[in-house]
Amino acid sequence: MKNILTVDVEDWYHICDIEHILPPSRWDQCESRILANIERILTLFSRFKVQATFFVLGYIAERIPEIVKMIGREGHEIASHGYGHIQVYKQKKEEFLQDLLRSKILIEGMTGEKMIGYRAPEWSICDGKKDSYWALDLLAQHRFLYDSSIAPLRFIGISNAPTIPYRVSTSHGEISEFPPLVMRSPLGNLPIGGGWGLRIFPYRSIWKTIDQLNRLGHPALIFCHPSEFDTFSPPLALPWIKRFVCYGKIRTTEERLIRLLGDFEFTMMRRVLLG
């Protein structure tokens, strides 16, 4: 069973909901640290001879085009992370579409290949009060074949969404949805597929959940960020919950990925979707 390995290609200052601390207008003034971190990730993946899907932020592709070239040279899949790293539910449909197409046109012009996948910042395709489920219609309309933006979690995403890949019907046809790995618990689903969850929860629990999925014939989806491979701690006065999410046990990220790459088979999203 091939599982799915993904990377959100964004820099350390692309943190949602801190506009009052670090507005996007100041991003250009921040030290970019993403190039060295991407090189480290590519070296790790090359070591295990594994190919992954890299969801590239348009802002990064425009400012550091060498990153897109590096990822492409290694044979990895390049997908879209939008352009400006804004949660979908904070945008009107027209704003989301503009952000989506700006990234799509930019990166496809650099690679010469059509992108078929999208992931929203902070898993922000949701229903309910933060309704942005309409984004799937726009993705299907513009010929995206899959999305990976709906987390089956209580506080972000859609809590009762499927925990395995599934198809969604839209007014423009079907689109495949790939959720991140979660672990069931009495408190609800727990986010063990990446970020702070991958770093905090016991490795044995993560391993067991992946193994159970694979035995049932389903792939597990793992994700990471370049900043999680860095020892740099930016001088930002973040709220404690943001600091925990971004930096809690951050040095365990590479160790956990190395163990996962040794214990399971992984590949890119495109290959799981198209075979």
C-alpha atoms as a PDB file:
ATOM      1  CA  MET A   1       0.000   0.000   0.000  1.00  0.00           C
ATOM      2  CA  LYS A   2       1.375   3.372  -1.058  1.00  0.00           C
ATOM      3  CA  ASN A   3       0.633   6.202   1.356  1.00  0.00           C
ATOM      4  CA  ILE A   4       0.676   9.893   0.401  1.00  0.00           C
ATOM      5  CA  LEU A   5       3.491  12.290   1.285  1.00  0.00           C
ATOM      6  CA  THR A   6       2.900  16.041   0.958  1.00  0.00           C
ATOM      7  CA  VAL A   7       4.642  19.336   1.711  1.00  0.00           C
ATOM      8  CA  ASP A   8       3.066  22.792   2.085  1.00  0.00           C
ATOM      9  CA  VAL A   9       5.640  25.076   0.457  1.00  0.00           C
ATOM     10  CA  GLU A  10       5.426  28.284   2.495  1.00  0.00           C
ATOM     11  CA  ASP A  11       7.862  30.273   4.613  1.00  0.00           C
ATOM     12  CA  TRP A  12       8.007  30.594   8.407  1.00  0.00           C
ATOM     13  CA  TYR A  13       6.004  33.834   8.458  1.00  0.00           C
ATOM     14  CA  HIS A  14       3.007  32.399   6.595  1.00  0.00           C
ATOM     15  CA  ILE A  15       0.960  31.894   9.755  1.00  0.00           C
ATOM     16  CA  CYS A  16      -2.791  32.377   9.612  1.00  0.00           C
ATOM     17  CA  ASP A  17      -4.591  34.854  11.886  1.00  0.00           C
ATOM     18  CA  ILE A  18      -1.547  36.916  12.910  1.00  0.00           C
ATOM     19  CA  GLU A  19      -2.194  39.849  10.581  1.00  0.00           C
ATOM     20  CA  HIS A  20      -2.268  42.165  13.613  1.00  0.00           C
ATOM     21  CA  ILE A  21       1.272  41.019  14.494  1.00  0.00           C
ATOM     22  CA  LEU A  22       2.783  40.535  11.057  1.00  0.00           C
ATOM     23  CA  PRO A  23       0.604  41.839   8.195  1.00  0.00           C
ATOM     24  CA  PRO A  24       1.235  40.574   4.647  1.00  0.00           C
ATOM     25  CA  SER A  25       2.490  44.048   3.743  1.00  0.00           C
ATOM     26  CA  ARG A  26       5.594  43.263   5.848  1.00  0.00           C
ATOM     27  CA  TRP A  27       6.323  39.811   4.415  1.00  0.00           C
ATOM     28  CA  ASP A  28       8.877  41.212   1.977  1.00  0.00           C
ATOM     29  CA  GLN A  29      10.851  42.557   4.954  1.00  0.00           C
ATOM     30  CA  CYS A  30      11.153  39.122   6.596  1.00  0.00           C
ATOM     31  CA  GLU A  31      14.225  36.960   6.189  1.00  0.00           C
ATOM     32  CA  SER A  32      13.342  34.099   3.866  1.00  0.00           C
ATOM     33  CA  ARG A  33      14.568  30.740   5.161  1.00  0.00           C
ATOM     34  CA  ILE A  34      12.641  28.420   2.909  1.00  0.00           C
ATOM     35  CA  LEU A  35      15.313  27.591   0.321  1.00  0.00           C
ATOM     36  CA  ALA A  36      17.647  25.787   2.729  1.00  0.00           C
ATOM     37  CA  ASN A  37      14.705  23.983   4.324  1.00  0.00           C
ATOM     38  CA  ILE A  38      13.385  22.777   0.967  1.00  0.00           C
ATOM     39  CA  GLU A  39      16.872  21.539   0.089  1.00  0.00           C
ATOM     40  CA  ARG A  40      16.906  19.587   3.352  1.00  0.00           C
ATOM     41  CA  ILE A  41      13.507  18.037   2.603  1.00  0.00           C
ATOM     42  CA  LEU A  42      14.509  17.112  -0.950  1.00  0.00           C
ATOM     43  CA  THR A  43      17.705  15.487   0.337  1.00  0.00           C
ATOM     44  CA  LEU A  44      15.681  13.434   2.825  1.00  0.00           C
ATOM     45  CA  PHE A  45      13.192  12.295   0.188  1.00  0.00           C
ATOM     46  CA  SER A  46      16.023  11.436  -2.206  1.00  0.00           C
ATOM     47  CA  ARG A  47      17.653   9.341   0.502  1.00  0.00           C
ATOM     48  CA  PHE A  48      14.502   7.207   0.738  1.00  0.00           C
ATOM     49  CA  LYS A  49      13.864   7.339  -3.022  1.00  0.00           C
ATOM     50  CA  VAL A  50      10.361   8.685  -2.449  1.00  0.00           C
ATOM     51  CA  GLN A  51       8.364  11.185  -4.481  1.00  0.00           C
ATOM     52  CA  ALA A  52       5.897  13.595  -2.884  1.00  0.00           C
ATOM     53  CA  THR A  53       3.345  16.270  -3.726  1.00  0.00           C
ATOM     54  CA  PHE A  54       4.492  19.827  -3.009  1.00  0.00           C
ATOM     55  CA  PHE A  55       1.655  22.343  -2.600  1.00  0.00           C
ATOM     56  CA  VAL A  56       3.464  25.513  -3.631  1.00  0.00           C
ATOM     57  CA  LEU A  57       2.317  28.947  -2.494  1.00  0.00           C
ATOM     58  CA  GLY A  58       2.206  31.351  -5.434  1.00  0.00           C
ATOM     59  CA  TYR A  59       3.827  34.086  -3.335  1.00  0.00           C
ATOM     60  CA  ILE A  60       6.863  31.816  -2.862  1.00  0.00           C
ATOM     61  CA  ALA A  61       6.994  30.701  -6.512  1.00  0.00           C
ATOM     62  CA  GLU A  62       7.016  34.301  -7.696  1.00  0.00           C
ATOM     63  CA  ARG A  63       9.772  35.445  -5.339  1.00  0.00           C
ATOM     64  CA  ILE A  64      11.964  32.333  -5.292  1.00  0.00           C
ATOM     65  CA  PRO A  65      11.348  30.530  -8.623  1.00  0.00           C
ATOM     66  CA  GLU A  66      14.402  28.335  -8.036  1.00  0.00           C
ATOM     67  CA  ILE A  67      12.332  26.392  -5.481  1.00  0.00           C
ATOM     68  CA  VAL A  68       9.835  25.331  -8.143  1.00  0.00           C
ATOM     69  CA  LYS A  69      12.688  24.281 -10.428  1.00  0.00           C
ATOM     70  CA  MET A  70      14.379  22.267  -7.661  1.00  0.00           C
ATOM     71  CA  ILE A  71      11.193  20.390  -6.822  1.00  0.00           C
ATOM     72  CA  GLY A  72      10.476  19.668 -10.489  1.00  0.00           C
ATOM     73  CA  ARG A  73      14.002  18.443 -11.183  1.00  0.00           C
ATOM     74  CA  GLU A  74      13.598  15.794  -8.501  1.00  0.00           C
ATOM     75  CA  GLY A  75      10.459  14.462 -10.162  1.00  0.00           C
ATOM     76  CA  HIS A  76       7.999  15.489  -7.458  1.00  0.00           C
ATOM     77  CA  GLU A  77       4.452  16.650  -8.161  1.00  0.00           C
ATOM     78  CA  ILE A  78       3.766  20.392  -7.959  1.00  0.00           C
ATOM     79  CA  ALA A  79       0.270  21.396  -6.867  1.00  0.00           C
ATOM     80  CA  SER A  80      -1.336  24.659  -5.749  1.00  0.00           C
ATOM     81  CA  HIS A  81      -1.470  26.169  -2.267  1.00  0.00           C
ATOM     82  CA  GLY A  82      -3.110  29.322  -3.612  1.00  0.00           C
ATOM     83  CA  TYR A  83      -1.231  32.594  -3.846  1.00  0.00           C
ATOM     84  CA  GLY A  84      -1.603  34.742  -0.748  1.00  0.00           C
ATOM     85  CA  HIS A  85      -2.095  32.192   2.075  1.00  0.00           C
ATOM     86  CA  ILE A  86      -5.556  33.382   3.062  1.00  0.00           C
ATOM     87  CA  GLN A  87      -8.101  30.982   4.536  1.00  0.00           C
ATOM     88  CA  VAL A  88     -10.825  30.252   1.988  1.00  0.00           C
ATOM     89  CA  TYR A  89     -13.684  31.196   4.342  1.00  0.00           C
ATOM     90  CA  LYS A  90     -12.230  34.713   4.693  1.00  0.00           C
ATOM     91  CA  GLN A  91     -12.613  35.317   0.961  1.00  0.00           C
ATOM     92  CA  LYS A  92     -15.557  35.979  -1.291  1.00  0.00           C
ATOM     93  CA  LYS A  93     -15.931  33.619  -4.233  1.00  0.00           C
ATOM     94  CA  GLU A  94     -14.453  36.183  -6.619  1.00  0.00           C
ATOM     95  CA  GLU A  95     -11.454  36.775  -4.339  1.00  0.00           C
ATOM     96  CA  PHE A  96     -10.803  33.059  -3.947  1.00  0.00           C
ATOM     97  CA  LEU A  97     -10.969  32.515  -7.690  1.00  0.00           C
ATOM     98  CA  GLN A  98      -8.569  35.386  -8.333  1.00  0.00           C
ATOM     99  CA  ASP A  99      -6.111  33.964  -5.759  1.00  0.00           C
ATOM    100  CA  LEU A 100      -6.461  30.458  -7.207  1.00  0.00           C
ATOM    101  CA  LEU A 101      -5.956  31.439 -10.828  1.00  0.00           C
ATOM    102  CA  ARG A 102      -3.084  33.801 -10.043  1.00  0.00           C
ATOM    103  CA  SER A 103      -1.181  30.899  -8.527  1.00  0.00           C
ATOM    104  CA  LYS A 104      -2.262  28.407 -11.202  1.00  0.00           C
ATOM    105  CA  ILE A 105      -1.255  30.587 -14.164  1.00  0.00           C
ATOM    106  CA  LEU A 106       2.034  31.586 -12.539  1.00  0.00           C
ATOM    107  CA  ILE A 107       3.229  28.096 -11.632  1.00  0.00           C
ATOM    108  CA  GLU A 108       1.985  26.376 -14.777  1.00  0.00           C
ATOM    109  CA  GLY A 109       3.882  28.987 -16.760  1.00  0.00           C
ATOM    110  CA  MET A 110       7.029  28.021 -14.855  1.00  0.00           C
ATOM    111  CA  THR A 111       6.646  24.238 -15.114  1.00  0.00           C
ATOM    112  CA  GLY A 112       4.902  23.868 -18.458  1.00  0.00           C
ATOM    113  CA  GLU A 113       2.562  21.313 -16.852  1.00  0.00           C
ATOM    114  CA  LYS A 114      -1.060  21.458 -15.762  1.00  0.00           C
ATOM    115  CA  MET A 115      -1.644  21.385 -12.014  1.00  0.00           C
ATOM    116  CA  ILE A 116      -4.405  19.033 -10.950  1.00  0.00           C
ATOM    117  CA  GLY A 117      -4.364  19.457  -7.164  1.00  0.00           C
ATOM    118  CA  TYR A 118      -5.078  22.146  -4.571  1.00  0.00           C
ATOM    119  CA  ARG A 119      -4.725  22.554  -0.819  1.00  0.00           C
ATOM    120  CA  ALA A 120      -6.179  25.535   1.032  1.00  0.00           C
ATOM    121  CA  PRO A 121      -4.214  27.306   3.767  1.00  0.00           C
ATOM    122  CA  GLU A 122      -5.083  25.838   7.190  1.00  0.00           C
ATOM    123  CA  TRP A 123      -7.477  23.210   5.756  1.00  0.00           C
ATOM    124  CA  SER A 124      -9.986  26.019   5.315  1.00  0.00           C
ATOM    125  CA  ILE A 125     -12.661  24.522   3.096  1.00  0.00           C
ATOM    126  CA  CYS A 126     -15.411  24.182   5.678  1.00  0.00           C
ATOM    127  CA  ASP A 127     -19.170  24.177   6.137  1.00  0.00           C
ATOM    128  CA  GLY A 128     -21.375  25.737   8.814  1.00  0.00           C
ATOM    129  CA  LYS A 129     -20.510  29.220  10.076  1.00  0.00           C
ATOM    130  CA  LYS A 130     -17.271  29.246   8.090  1.00  0.00           C
ATOM    131  CA  ASP A 131     -18.912  27.991   4.917  1.00  0.00           C
ATOM    132  CA  SER A 132     -16.498  27.736   2.009  1.00  0.00           C
ATOM    133  CA  TYR A 133     -17.626  24.392   0.598  1.00  0.00           C
ATOM    134  CA  TRP A 134     -18.450  26.306  -2.594  1.00  0.00           C
ATOM    135  CA  ALA A 135     -14.713  26.354  -3.360  1.00  0.00           C
ATOM    136  CA  LEU A 136     -14.951  22.749  -4.570  1.00  0.00           C
ATOM    137  CA  ASP A 137     -17.270  23.879  -7.378  1.00  0.00           C
ATOM    138  CA  LEU A 138     -14.719  26.438  -8.533  1.00  0.00           C
ATOM    139  CA  LEU A 139     -11.881  23.924  -8.341  1.00  0.00           C
ATOM    140  CA  ALA A 140     -13.811  21.419 -10.452  1.00  0.00           C
ATOM    141  CA  GLN A 141     -14.816  24.156 -12.900  1.00  0.00           C
ATOM    142  CA  HIS A 142     -11.158  25.018 -13.471  1.00  0.00           C
ATOM    143  CA  ARG A 143     -10.178  21.388 -14.025  1.00  0.00           C
ATOM    144  CA  PHE A 144      -8.574  20.517 -10.733  1.00  0.00           C
ATOM    145  CA  LEU A 145      -8.925  16.769 -10.283  1.00  0.00           C
ATOM    146  CA  TYR A 146      -8.376  16.650  -6.530  1.00  0.00           C
ATOM    147  CA  ASP A 147      -8.454  18.757  -3.402  1.00  0.00           C
ATOM    148  CA  SER A 148      -6.809  18.260  -0.021  1.00  0.00           C
ATOM    149  CA  SER A 149      -8.380  21.023   2.059  1.00  0.00           C
ATOM    150  CA  ILE A 150     -11.002  19.367   4.268  1.00  0.00           C
ATOM    151  CA  ALA A 151      -9.743  18.155   7.631  1.00  0.00           C
ATOM    152  CA  PRO A 152     -12.125  15.782   9.460  1.00  0.00           C
ATOM    153  CA  LEU A 153     -11.536  17.671  12.696  1.00  0.00           C
ATOM    154  CA  ARG A 154     -13.735  19.453  15.222  1.00  0.00           C
ATOM    155  CA  PHE A 155     -12.131  22.894  15.375  1.00  0.00           C
ATOM    156  CA  ILE A 156     -11.043  23.247  11.752  1.00  0.00           C
ATOM    157  CA  GLY A 157     -12.519  21.634   8.690  1.00  0.00           C
ATOM    158  CA  ILE A 158     -15.624  19.440   8.872  1.00  0.00           C
ATOM    159  CA  SER A 159     -15.746  17.189  11.934  1.00  0.00           C
ATOM    160  CA  ASN A 160     -17.931  14.472  10.384  1.00  0.00           C
ATOM    161  CA  ALA A 161     -16.192  14.415   6.999  1.00  0.00           C
ATOM    162  CA  PRO A 162     -14.811  11.057   5.797  1.00  0.00           C
ATOM    163  CA  THR A 163     -11.357  10.138   7.059  1.00  0.00           C
ATOM    164  CA  ILE A 164     -10.355   8.302   3.873  1.00  0.00           C
ATOM    165  CA  PRO A 165     -10.166   9.594   0.274  1.00  0.00           C
ATOM    166  CA  TYR A 166     -13.596  10.151  -1.269  1.00  0.00           C
ATOM    167  CA  ARG A 167     -15.380  11.749  -4.229  1.00  0.00           C
ATOM    168  CA  VAL A 168     -17.427  14.950  -4.035  1.00  0.00           C
ATOM    169  CA  SER A 169     -20.115  15.851  -6.568  1.00  0.00           C
ATOM    170  CA  THR A 170     -20.160  19.471  -7.723  1.00  0.00           C
ATOM    171  CA  SER A 171     -22.108  21.414 -10.338  1.00  0.00           C
ATOM    172  CA  HIS A 172     -19.056  20.978 -12.615  1.00  0.00           C
ATOM    173  CA  GLY A 173     -18.486  17.273 -12.075  1.00  0.00           C
ATOM    174  CA  GLU A 174     -16.784  15.176  -9.417  1.00  0.00           C
ATOM    175  CA  ILE A 175     -13.568  16.022  -7.604  1.00  0.00           C
ATOM    176  CA  SER A 176     -11.524  13.739  -5.340  1.00  0.00           C
ATOM    177  CA  GLU A 177     -10.918  14.792  -1.747  1.00  0.00           C
ATOM    178  CA  PHE A 178      -7.859  13.625   0.216  1.00  0.00           C
ATOM    179  CA  PRO A 179      -8.076  14.270   3.991  1.00  0.00           C
ATOM    180  CA  PRO A 180      -5.063  14.303   6.320  1.00  0.00           C
ATOM    181  CA  LEU A 181      -4.453  11.369   8.635  1.00  0.00           C
ATOM    182  CA  VAL A 182      -6.474  11.512  11.866  1.00  0.00           C
ATOM    183  CA  MET A 183      -6.822   9.170  14.827  1.00  0.00           C
ATOM    184  CA  ARG A 184     -10.186   8.424  16.383  1.00  0.00           C
ATOM    185  CA  SER A 185     -10.548   9.037  20.133  1.00  0.00           C
ATOM    186  CA  PRO A 186     -13.323   9.630  22.717  1.00  0.00           C
ATOM    187  CA  LEU A 187     -12.670  13.360  22.219  1.00  0.00           C
ATOM    188  CA  GLY A 188     -13.156  13.114  18.476  1.00  0.00           C
ATOM    189  CA  ASN A 189     -10.616  12.861  15.671  1.00  0.00           C
ATOM    190  CA  LEU A 190      -7.061  13.873  16.553  1.00  0.00           C
ATOM    191  CA  PRO A 191      -4.702  15.467  13.962  1.00  0.00           C
ATOM    192  CA  ILE A 192      -1.768  13.067  13.765  1.00  0.00           C
ATOM    193  CA  GLY A 193      -0.913  13.415  10.066  1.00  0.00           C
ATOM    194  CA  GLY A 194       1.307  16.480  10.311  1.00  0.00           C
ATOM    195  CA  GLY A 195       2.101  19.673  12.184  1.00  0.00           C
ATOM    196  CA  TRP A 196       1.935  19.625  15.968  1.00  0.00           C
ATOM    197  CA  GLY A 197      -0.017  16.352  16.012  1.00  0.00           C
ATOM    198  CA  LEU A 198       2.688  14.437  14.174  1.00  0.00           C
ATOM    199  CA  ARG A 199       5.238  15.893  16.577  1.00  0.00           C
ATOM    200  CA  ILE A 200       3.336  15.453  19.847  1.00  0.00           C
ATOM    201  CA  PHE A 201       1.366  12.214  19.795  1.00  0.00           C
ATOM    202  CA  PRO A 202       3.145   8.885  20.459  1.00  0.00           C
ATOM    203  CA  TYR A 203       4.774   7.448  17.364  1.00  0.00           C
ATOM    204  CA  ARG A 204       3.275   4.047  18.139  1.00  0.00           C
ATOM    205  CA  SER A 205      -0.242   5.525  17.871  1.00  0.00           C
ATOM    206  CA  ILE A 206       0.570   7.118  14.515  1.00  0.00           C
ATOM    207  CA  TRP A 207       2.114   3.882  13.221  1.00  0.00           C
ATOM    208  CA  LYS A 208      -0.874   1.828  14.364  1.00  0.00           C
ATOM    209  CA  THR A 209      -3.384   4.162  12.705  1.00  0.00           C
ATOM    210  CA  ILE A 210      -1.531   4.046   9.371  1.00  0.00           C
ATOM    211  CA  ASP A 211      -1.217   0.269   9.586  1.00  0.00           C
ATOM    212  CA  GLN A 212      -4.951  -0.117  10.241  1.00  0.00           C
ATOM    213  CA  LEU A 213      -5.815   2.087   7.261  1.00  0.00           C
ATOM    214  CA  ASN A 214      -3.460   0.197   4.992  1.00  0.00           C
ATOM    215  CA  ARG A 215      -4.909  -3.172   6.044  1.00  0.00           C
ATOM    216  CA  LEU A 216      -8.320  -1.855   4.989  1.00  0.00           C
ATOM    217  CA  GLY A 217      -6.907  -0.815   1.627  1.00  0.00           C
ATOM    218  CA  HIS A 218      -6.723   2.952   2.246  1.00  0.00           C
ATOM    219  CA  PRO A 219      -3.711   5.286   2.013  1.00  0.00           C
ATOM    220  CA  ALA A 220      -2.727   7.606   4.856  1.00  0.00           C
ATOM    221  CA  LEU A 221      -1.871  11.217   4.037  1.00  0.00           C
ATOM    222  CA  ILE A 222       1.086  12.860   5.803  1.00  0.00           C
ATOM    223  CA  PHE A 223       2.049  16.525   5.492  1.00  0.00           C
ATOM    224  CA  CYS A 224       4.835  18.809   6.672  1.00  0.00           C
ATOM    225  CA  HIS A 225       6.117  22.380   6.303  1.00  0.00           C
ATOM    226  CA  PRO A 226       9.642  23.599   5.472  1.00  0.00           C
ATOM    227  CA  SER A 227       9.802  25.649   8.688  1.00  0.00           C
ATOM    228  CA  GLU A 228       9.511  22.420  10.693  1.00  0.00           C
ATOM    229  CA  PHE A 229      12.992  21.461   9.488  1.00  0.00           C
ATOM    230  CA  ASP A 230      14.532  24.676  10.836  1.00  0.00           C
ATOM    231  CA  THR A 231      16.030  25.500  14.217  1.00  0.00           C
ATOM    232  CA  PHE A 232      15.248  29.196  13.730  1.00  0.00           C
ATOM    233  CA  SER A 233      12.855  30.742  16.252  1.00  0.00           C
ATOM    234  CA  PRO A 234      11.522  34.046  14.906  1.00  0.00           C
ATOM    235  CA  PRO A 235      11.196  36.978  17.306  1.00  0.00           C
ATOM    236  CA  LEU A 236       7.419  37.135  17.060  1.00  0.00           C
ATOM    237  CA  ALA A 237       5.170  37.682  20.081  1.00  0.00           C
ATOM    238  CA  LEU A 238       2.729  34.941  19.103  1.00  0.00           C
ATOM    239  CA  PRO A 239      -0.246  33.906  21.249  1.00  0.00           C
ATOM    240  CA  TRP A 240       0.646  30.773  23.206  1.00  0.00           C
ATOM    241  CA  ILE A 241      -1.615  28.521  21.142  1.00  0.00           C
ATOM    242  CA  LYS A 242      -0.019  29.696  17.892  1.00  0.00           C
ATOM    243  CA  ARG A 243       3.461  29.237  19.328  1.00  0.00           C
ATOM    244  CA  PHE A 244       2.573  25.703  20.411  1.00  0.00           C
ATOM    245  CA  VAL A 245       1.067  24.802  17.023  1.00  0.00           C
ATOM    246  CA  CYS A 246       4.041  26.212  15.102  1.00  0.00           C
ATOM    247  CA  TYR A 247       6.962  25.264  17.347  1.00  0.00           C
ATOM    248  CA  GLY A 248       5.905  22.661  19.926  1.00  0.00           C
ATOM    249  CA  LYS A 249       8.500  19.834  19.818  1.00  0.00           C
ATOM    250  CA  ILE A 250       9.485  21.053  16.356  1.00  0.00           C
ATOM    251  CA  ARG A 251      12.803  19.205  16.422  1.00  0.00           C
ATOM    252  CA  THR A 252      10.972  15.884  16.299  1.00  0.00           C
ATOM    253  CA  THR A 253       9.547  16.505  12.803  1.00  0.00           C
ATOM    254  CA  GLU A 254      12.504  15.166  10.851  1.00  0.00           C
ATOM    255  CA  GLU A 255      12.943  12.240  13.225  1.00  0.00           C
ATOM    256  CA  ARG A 256       9.284  11.253  12.857  1.00  0.00           C
ATOM    257  CA  LEU A 257       9.393  11.511   9.067  1.00  0.00           C
ATOM    258  CA  ILE A 258      12.527   9.393   8.893  1.00  0.00           C
ATOM    259  CA  ARG A 259      10.815   6.675  10.933  1.00  0.00           C
ATOM    260  CA  LEU A 260       7.671   6.829   8.800  1.00  0.00           C
ATOM    261  CA  LEU A 261       9.639   6.686   5.544  1.00  0.00           C
ATOM    262  CA  GLY A 262      11.443   3.628   6.865  1.00  0.00           C
ATOM    263  CA  ASP A 263       8.292   1.879   8.085  1.00  0.00           C
ATOM    264  CA  PHE A 264       5.852   2.575   5.218  1.00  0.00           C
ATOM    265  CA  GLU A 265       5.728   3.143   1.466  1.00  0.00           C
ATOM    266  CA  PHE A 266       4.887   6.663   0.242  1.00  0.00           C
ATOM    267  CA  THR A 267       4.293   8.385  -3.073  1.00  0.00           C
ATOM    268  CA  MET A 268       2.805  11.548  -4.597  1.00  0.00           C
ATOM    269  CA  MET A 269      -0.922  12.327  -4.697  1.00  0.00           C
ATOM    270  CA  ARG A 270      -1.109  12.233  -8.514  1.00  0.00           C
ATOM    271  CA  ARG A 271       0.115   8.645  -8.601  1.00  0.00           C
ATOM    272  CA  VAL A 272      -2.448   7.469  -6.041  1.00  0.00           C
ATOM    273  CA  LEU A 273      -5.236   9.240  -7.949  1.00  0.00           C
ATOM    274  CA  LEU A 274      -4.316   8.269 -11.494  1.00  0.00           C
ATOM    275  CA  GLY A 275      -2.368   5.075 -10.890  1.00  0.00           C
END
